[in-house]
Amino acid sequence: MPVQAIRQRDHLPKPRRLIVAALGLALAISALWPVSPVEAADEPDLIFRRSTVFKLLSPNDKLATYAVDDPEIEGVACHFTVPEKGGFKGWLGLAEEVSDISLACRQVGPVRFKRKLDQADDMFRQRRSLFFKKMQIVRGCDAKRNVLVYMVYSDKLIEGSPKNSTSTVPIMPWGGDVAVQKCGEFIQ
């Protein structure tokens, strides 16, 4: 590090030095934090993006629609639309994304459970800011109606968001297959 940079850093007021040190520590911890199996799943497929706010010298604000297959239940896919911040902060990945997320899940083939699942298990998780904010799609089962229920919401380390969206997938026969699995038999 050049001597001039060290001198400039040392001349920062003590509170600012503490903030800079805390941000550096947070970045180091987030880089080393173990990835959960849900986060290790494949990235969602981008279907399309549409600009919503024009920016002259930086990327536009957009709405982006993605598709993700349920990793534990064959034959179910979800599509979600999220706002993506433009501008230089969005381009650099520093902008905190808003919590307005819509969700639609459908049966796209014969439904097959891969294993026993817990009620309100995470199906998909994605970061929505550089630190602490994430979007989650959770799955549950309405055993009485044999319907899978998916809910998307975002949360922060300290404060969550009440904004959410719910989608349901009634488990139906598919093609010539008349045998239908019951979600209540696979939820613990």
Foldseek 3Di string as FASTA:
>chain_A
DDPVVVVVLVPDPPVVNVVVVVVVVQLVCVVVPDDDPQAVDDDWAWPDKDFDADDDPKDGWIKTKTKDAQPFKPQKIKIKIFIQHMDPCSVVQADQGDWAMEMEMEGRAAIDGNAAAAAFAWRHKDARHPDFKIKTKTWHAPQVQLKIKIKIFMQGPVGGDPHMYMYIYRRQAGDPRHDTDRNVVRYD
